N, C-alpha and C. Protein backbone atom coordinates (compact mmCIF):
# COMPACT_ATOMS: atom_id res chain seq x y z
N MET A 1 0.91 -1.19 0.02
CA MET A 1 0.06 0.10 -0.12
C MET A 1 0.87 1.16 -0.01
N ARG A 2 0.54 2.13 -0.84
CA ARG A 2 1.34 3.50 -0.80
C ARG A 2 0.44 4.42 -0.19
N VAL A 3 1.23 5.27 0.76
CA VAL A 3 0.54 6.36 1.40
C VAL A 3 1.15 7.59 0.84
N ASN A 4 0.23 8.53 0.52
CA ASN A 4 0.64 9.87 0.13
C ASN A 4 0.10 10.93 1.24
N GLN A 5 1.10 11.49 1.82
CA GLN A 5 0.68 12.53 2.92
C GLN A 5 0.72 13.95 2.46
N GLU A 6 0.95 14.19 1.25
CA GLU A 6 0.97 15.47 0.60
C GLU A 6 -0.43 16.24 0.76
N GLU A 7 -0.25 17.48 1.28
CA GLU A 7 -1.38 18.23 1.48
C GLU A 7 -2.11 18.83 0.27
N LYS A 8 -3.08 18.30 -0.24
CA LYS A 8 -3.59 18.62 -1.56
C LYS A 8 -5.19 18.44 -1.23
N ALA A 9 -5.97 19.60 -1.60
CA ALA A 9 -7.31 19.55 -1.34
C ALA A 9 -8.00 18.69 -2.48
N ASP A 10 -9.13 18.10 -2.08
CA ASP A 10 -9.91 17.37 -3.02
C ASP A 10 -10.68 18.29 -3.85
N ARG A 11 -11.69 17.76 -4.66
CA ARG A 11 -12.31 18.65 -5.59
C ARG A 11 -13.38 19.52 -4.91
N TYR A 12 -13.62 19.24 -3.49
CA TYR A 12 -14.53 19.97 -2.69
C TYR A 12 -13.80 21.05 -1.86
N GLY A 13 -12.62 21.08 -1.97
CA GLY A 13 -11.79 21.95 -1.07
C GLY A 13 -11.40 21.40 0.29
N ILE A 14 -11.56 20.12 0.48
CA ILE A 14 -11.33 19.46 1.78
C ILE A 14 -9.98 18.85 1.73
N PHE A 15 -9.12 18.88 2.80
CA PHE A 15 -7.79 18.25 2.68
C PHE A 15 -7.98 16.81 3.38
N PRO A 16 -7.71 15.79 2.66
CA PRO A 16 -7.65 14.45 3.24
C PRO A 16 -6.51 14.52 4.12
N HIS A 17 -6.47 13.64 5.08
CA HIS A 17 -5.33 13.36 6.05
C HIS A 17 -4.28 12.65 5.26
N ILE A 18 -4.68 11.60 4.67
CA ILE A 18 -3.66 10.81 3.67
C ILE A 18 -4.41 10.41 2.50
N ARG A 19 -3.76 9.83 1.40
CA ARG A 19 -4.40 9.34 0.25
C ARG A 19 -3.59 7.95 0.15
N VAL A 20 -4.40 6.93 -0.09
CA VAL A 20 -3.79 5.44 -0.25
C VAL A 20 -4.08 5.12 -1.58
N SER A 21 -3.15 4.17 -2.10
CA SER A 21 -3.28 3.51 -3.32
C SER A 21 -2.61 2.16 -3.38
N GLY A 22 -2.86 1.33 -4.28
CA GLY A 22 -2.32 0.05 -4.38
C GLY A 22 -3.35 -1.04 -4.09
N LYS A 23 -2.91 -2.23 -4.73
CA LYS A 23 -3.96 -3.50 -4.50
C LYS A 23 -4.16 -3.79 -3.08
N ASP A 24 -3.19 -3.62 -2.19
CA ASP A 24 -3.29 -4.00 -0.86
C ASP A 24 -3.81 -2.88 -0.03
N ALA A 25 -4.44 -1.75 -0.52
CA ALA A 25 -4.96 -0.75 0.24
C ALA A 25 -6.42 -1.11 0.73
N ASN A 26 -6.39 -2.15 1.62
CA ASN A 26 -7.71 -2.48 2.04
C ASN A 26 -8.01 -2.05 3.50
N PRO A 27 -9.13 -2.10 4.04
CA PRO A 27 -9.40 -1.54 5.34
C PRO A 27 -8.48 -1.91 6.31
N GLN A 28 -8.16 -3.21 6.55
CA GLN A 28 -7.21 -3.66 7.50
C GLN A 28 -5.80 -3.04 7.40
N ASN A 29 -5.34 -2.88 6.29
CA ASN A 29 -3.92 -2.24 6.07
C ASN A 29 -4.01 -0.72 6.31
N ILE A 30 -5.19 -0.08 5.89
CA ILE A 30 -5.30 1.32 6.27
C ILE A 30 -5.45 1.54 7.63
N HIS A 31 -6.28 0.76 8.40
CA HIS A 31 -6.41 0.85 9.75
C HIS A 31 -4.99 0.67 10.57
N GLU A 32 -4.21 -0.37 10.18
CA GLU A 32 -2.91 -0.64 10.76
C GLU A 32 -2.15 0.65 10.41
N TRP A 33 -1.97 1.26 9.30
CA TRP A 33 -0.98 2.27 8.93
C TRP A 33 -1.61 3.52 9.97
N LEU A 34 -2.77 3.90 9.88
CA LEU A 34 -3.26 4.98 10.59
C LEU A 34 -2.95 4.76 12.25
N TYR A 35 -3.10 3.61 12.75
CA TYR A 35 -2.84 3.30 14.07
C TYR A 35 -1.44 3.38 14.40
N ASN A 36 -0.58 2.83 13.56
CA ASN A 36 0.88 2.85 13.86
C ASN A 36 1.55 4.33 13.60
N ASN A 37 1.00 5.03 12.84
CA ASN A 37 1.55 6.29 12.33
C ASN A 37 0.96 7.50 12.98
N ILE A 38 -0.23 7.40 13.39
CA ILE A 38 -0.99 8.53 13.92
C ILE A 38 -1.44 8.25 15.41
N GLY A 39 -1.66 7.07 15.78
CA GLY A 39 -2.09 6.90 16.98
C GLY A 39 -3.44 6.55 17.25
N SER A 40 -3.92 6.22 18.39
CA SER A 40 -5.34 6.01 18.78
C SER A 40 -5.98 7.33 19.14
N GLY A 41 -7.30 7.32 19.19
CA GLY A 41 -8.02 8.53 19.71
C GLY A 41 -8.53 9.28 18.50
N TYR A 42 -8.46 8.98 17.35
CA TYR A 42 -8.89 9.62 16.16
C TYR A 42 -9.84 8.69 15.33
N LYS A 43 -10.88 9.33 14.71
CA LYS A 43 -11.78 8.59 13.84
C LYS A 43 -11.50 9.10 12.41
N PHE A 44 -11.47 8.21 11.45
CA PHE A 44 -11.13 8.60 10.03
C PHE A 44 -12.38 7.89 9.16
N VAL A 45 -12.61 8.53 8.08
CA VAL A 45 -13.54 8.08 7.18
C VAL A 45 -12.99 8.03 5.79
N MET A 46 -13.52 7.05 5.01
CA MET A 46 -13.23 7.08 3.51
C MET A 46 -14.56 7.16 2.84
N VAL A 47 -14.63 8.09 2.07
CA VAL A 47 -16.01 8.45 1.32
C VAL A 47 -15.98 7.85 -0.10
N PHE A 48 -16.89 6.94 -0.28
CA PHE A 48 -17.24 6.43 -1.55
C PHE A 48 -18.22 7.26 -2.27
N ASP A 49 -17.98 8.00 -3.19
CA ASP A 49 -18.73 8.94 -3.77
C ASP A 49 -19.36 8.24 -5.12
N CYS A 50 -20.77 7.90 -5.09
CA CYS A 50 -21.25 7.29 -6.25
C CYS A 50 -22.17 8.23 -7.03
N MET A 51 -22.01 9.41 -6.75
CA MET A 51 -22.78 10.47 -7.63
C MET A 51 -22.37 10.45 -8.93
N PRO A 52 -23.16 11.00 -9.78
CA PRO A 52 -22.61 11.16 -11.26
C PRO A 52 -21.60 12.19 -11.34
N GLU A 53 -20.56 11.80 -11.95
CA GLU A 53 -19.28 12.51 -12.08
C GLU A 53 -19.39 13.74 -12.90
N GLU A 54 -19.10 14.90 -12.33
CA GLU A 54 -19.23 16.19 -13.05
C GLU A 54 -17.72 16.67 -13.16
N HIS A 55 -16.74 16.16 -12.57
CA HIS A 55 -15.49 16.77 -12.56
C HIS A 55 -14.31 15.96 -13.15
N GLY A 56 -14.82 14.93 -14.06
CA GLY A 56 -13.87 14.17 -14.69
C GLY A 56 -13.65 12.86 -14.03
N GLU A 57 -12.47 12.23 -14.22
CA GLU A 57 -12.36 10.79 -13.67
C GLU A 57 -11.91 11.02 -12.17
N TYR A 58 -12.12 10.02 -11.41
CA TYR A 58 -11.59 9.94 -10.03
C TYR A 58 -10.20 9.70 -10.08
N ASP A 59 -9.48 9.99 -9.07
CA ASP A 59 -8.06 9.84 -8.75
C ASP A 59 -7.79 8.29 -8.66
N LYS A 60 -6.57 7.96 -8.78
CA LYS A 60 -6.26 6.56 -8.43
C LYS A 60 -5.96 6.31 -7.11
N GLU A 61 -5.88 7.45 -6.26
CA GLU A 61 -5.82 7.36 -4.80
C GLU A 61 -7.00 7.55 -4.10
N TYR A 62 -7.17 6.87 -3.02
CA TYR A 62 -8.32 7.05 -2.15
C TYR A 62 -8.10 7.86 -1.07
N PRO A 63 -8.81 9.00 -0.78
CA PRO A 63 -8.67 9.99 0.34
C PRO A 63 -9.15 9.37 1.48
N ILE A 64 -8.47 9.51 2.64
CA ILE A 64 -8.93 9.23 3.96
C ILE A 64 -8.91 10.58 4.71
N TYR A 65 -9.98 10.82 5.38
CA TYR A 65 -10.24 12.04 5.97
C TYR A 65 -10.32 11.89 7.47
N HIS A 66 -9.95 12.94 8.27
CA HIS A 66 -10.36 12.94 9.67
C HIS A 66 -11.92 13.19 9.68
N MET A 67 -12.60 12.51 10.40
CA MET A 67 -14.11 12.50 10.45
C MET A 67 -14.68 13.95 10.69
N ASP A 68 -13.98 14.73 11.51
CA ASP A 68 -14.56 16.10 11.71
C ASP A 68 -14.14 16.97 10.48
N ALA A 69 -13.28 16.58 9.48
CA ALA A 69 -12.98 17.47 8.57
C ALA A 69 -14.15 17.47 7.46
N ILE A 70 -15.11 16.48 7.49
CA ILE A 70 -16.23 16.57 6.62
C ILE A 70 -17.60 16.53 7.35
N ASP A 71 -17.60 17.20 8.36
CA ASP A 71 -18.86 17.31 9.17
C ASP A 71 -19.83 17.99 8.40
N GLU A 72 -19.65 19.03 7.80
CA GLU A 72 -20.58 19.77 7.15
C GLU A 72 -21.18 18.95 5.95
N GLU A 73 -20.28 18.34 5.16
CA GLU A 73 -20.73 17.38 4.24
C GLU A 73 -21.56 16.46 4.63
N ILE A 74 -21.35 15.76 5.82
CA ILE A 74 -22.15 14.78 6.44
C ILE A 74 -23.53 15.25 6.72
N MET A 75 -23.50 16.47 7.30
CA MET A 75 -24.72 17.18 7.73
C MET A 75 -25.60 17.50 6.60
N GLU A 76 -25.00 17.96 5.52
CA GLU A 76 -25.76 18.33 4.32
C GLU A 76 -26.27 17.21 3.82
N TYR A 77 -25.72 16.18 3.68
CA TYR A 77 -26.08 14.87 3.07
C TYR A 77 -27.25 14.22 3.82
N ILE A 78 -27.20 14.15 5.10
CA ILE A 78 -28.36 13.66 5.93
C ILE A 78 -29.59 14.53 5.88
N GLY A 79 -29.35 15.90 5.86
CA GLY A 79 -30.43 16.84 5.93
C GLY A 79 -30.70 17.44 7.12
N VAL A 80 -31.23 18.65 7.09
CA VAL A 80 -31.47 19.52 8.19
C VAL A 80 -32.53 18.88 9.25
N GLU A 81 -33.47 18.22 8.84
CA GLU A 81 -34.40 17.61 9.75
C GLU A 81 -33.77 16.59 10.51
N ARG A 82 -32.95 15.70 9.97
CA ARG A 82 -32.35 14.64 10.84
C ARG A 82 -31.32 15.25 11.90
N VAL A 83 -30.66 16.32 11.38
CA VAL A 83 -29.74 16.90 12.24
C VAL A 83 -30.39 17.54 13.51
N LYS A 84 -31.56 18.17 13.14
CA LYS A 84 -32.51 18.73 14.19
C LYS A 84 -32.97 17.62 15.22
N GLN A 85 -33.31 16.52 14.63
CA GLN A 85 -33.86 15.42 15.34
C GLN A 85 -32.68 14.97 16.33
N TRP A 86 -31.53 14.82 15.86
CA TRP A 86 -30.44 14.30 16.58
C TRP A 86 -30.08 15.27 17.80
N LEU A 87 -30.14 16.68 17.52
CA LEU A 87 -29.90 17.57 18.52
C LEU A 87 -30.80 17.59 19.63
N LYS A 88 -32.09 17.38 19.13
CA LYS A 88 -33.24 17.21 20.17
C LYS A 88 -33.01 16.03 20.89
N ARG A 89 -32.64 14.90 20.44
CA ARG A 89 -32.40 13.69 21.36
C ARG A 89 -31.20 14.01 22.36
N LYS A 90 -30.17 14.66 21.82
CA LYS A 90 -29.10 14.98 22.76
C LYS A 90 -29.45 16.02 23.75
N GLY A 91 -30.40 16.82 23.56
CA GLY A 91 -30.97 17.82 24.52
C GLY A 91 -30.29 19.13 24.30
N VAL A 92 -29.84 19.37 23.11
CA VAL A 92 -29.31 20.56 22.77
C VAL A 92 -30.18 21.62 22.36
N ILE A 93 -31.15 21.26 21.69
CA ILE A 93 -32.23 22.27 21.37
C ILE A 93 -33.62 21.65 21.77
């Protein structure tokens, strides 16, 4: 598995923590690399975007994000009403 730590924004302007590529870039290897090189206490996410492509072809590298780096994208995707319901269950609103 090849790991690219170059700071490069994706097409949405978000900076992935790392980008991985290679045939052995599977969840177990990605997890082990993150754990051994970053440590515990962080949550990461890999986004599989299956929307119609408007920006050309996808990169050959898969971006791995800190979960909090894409919070706005997550909230936008799930919708305002579900976010409000969650906040009500948490007692925030």
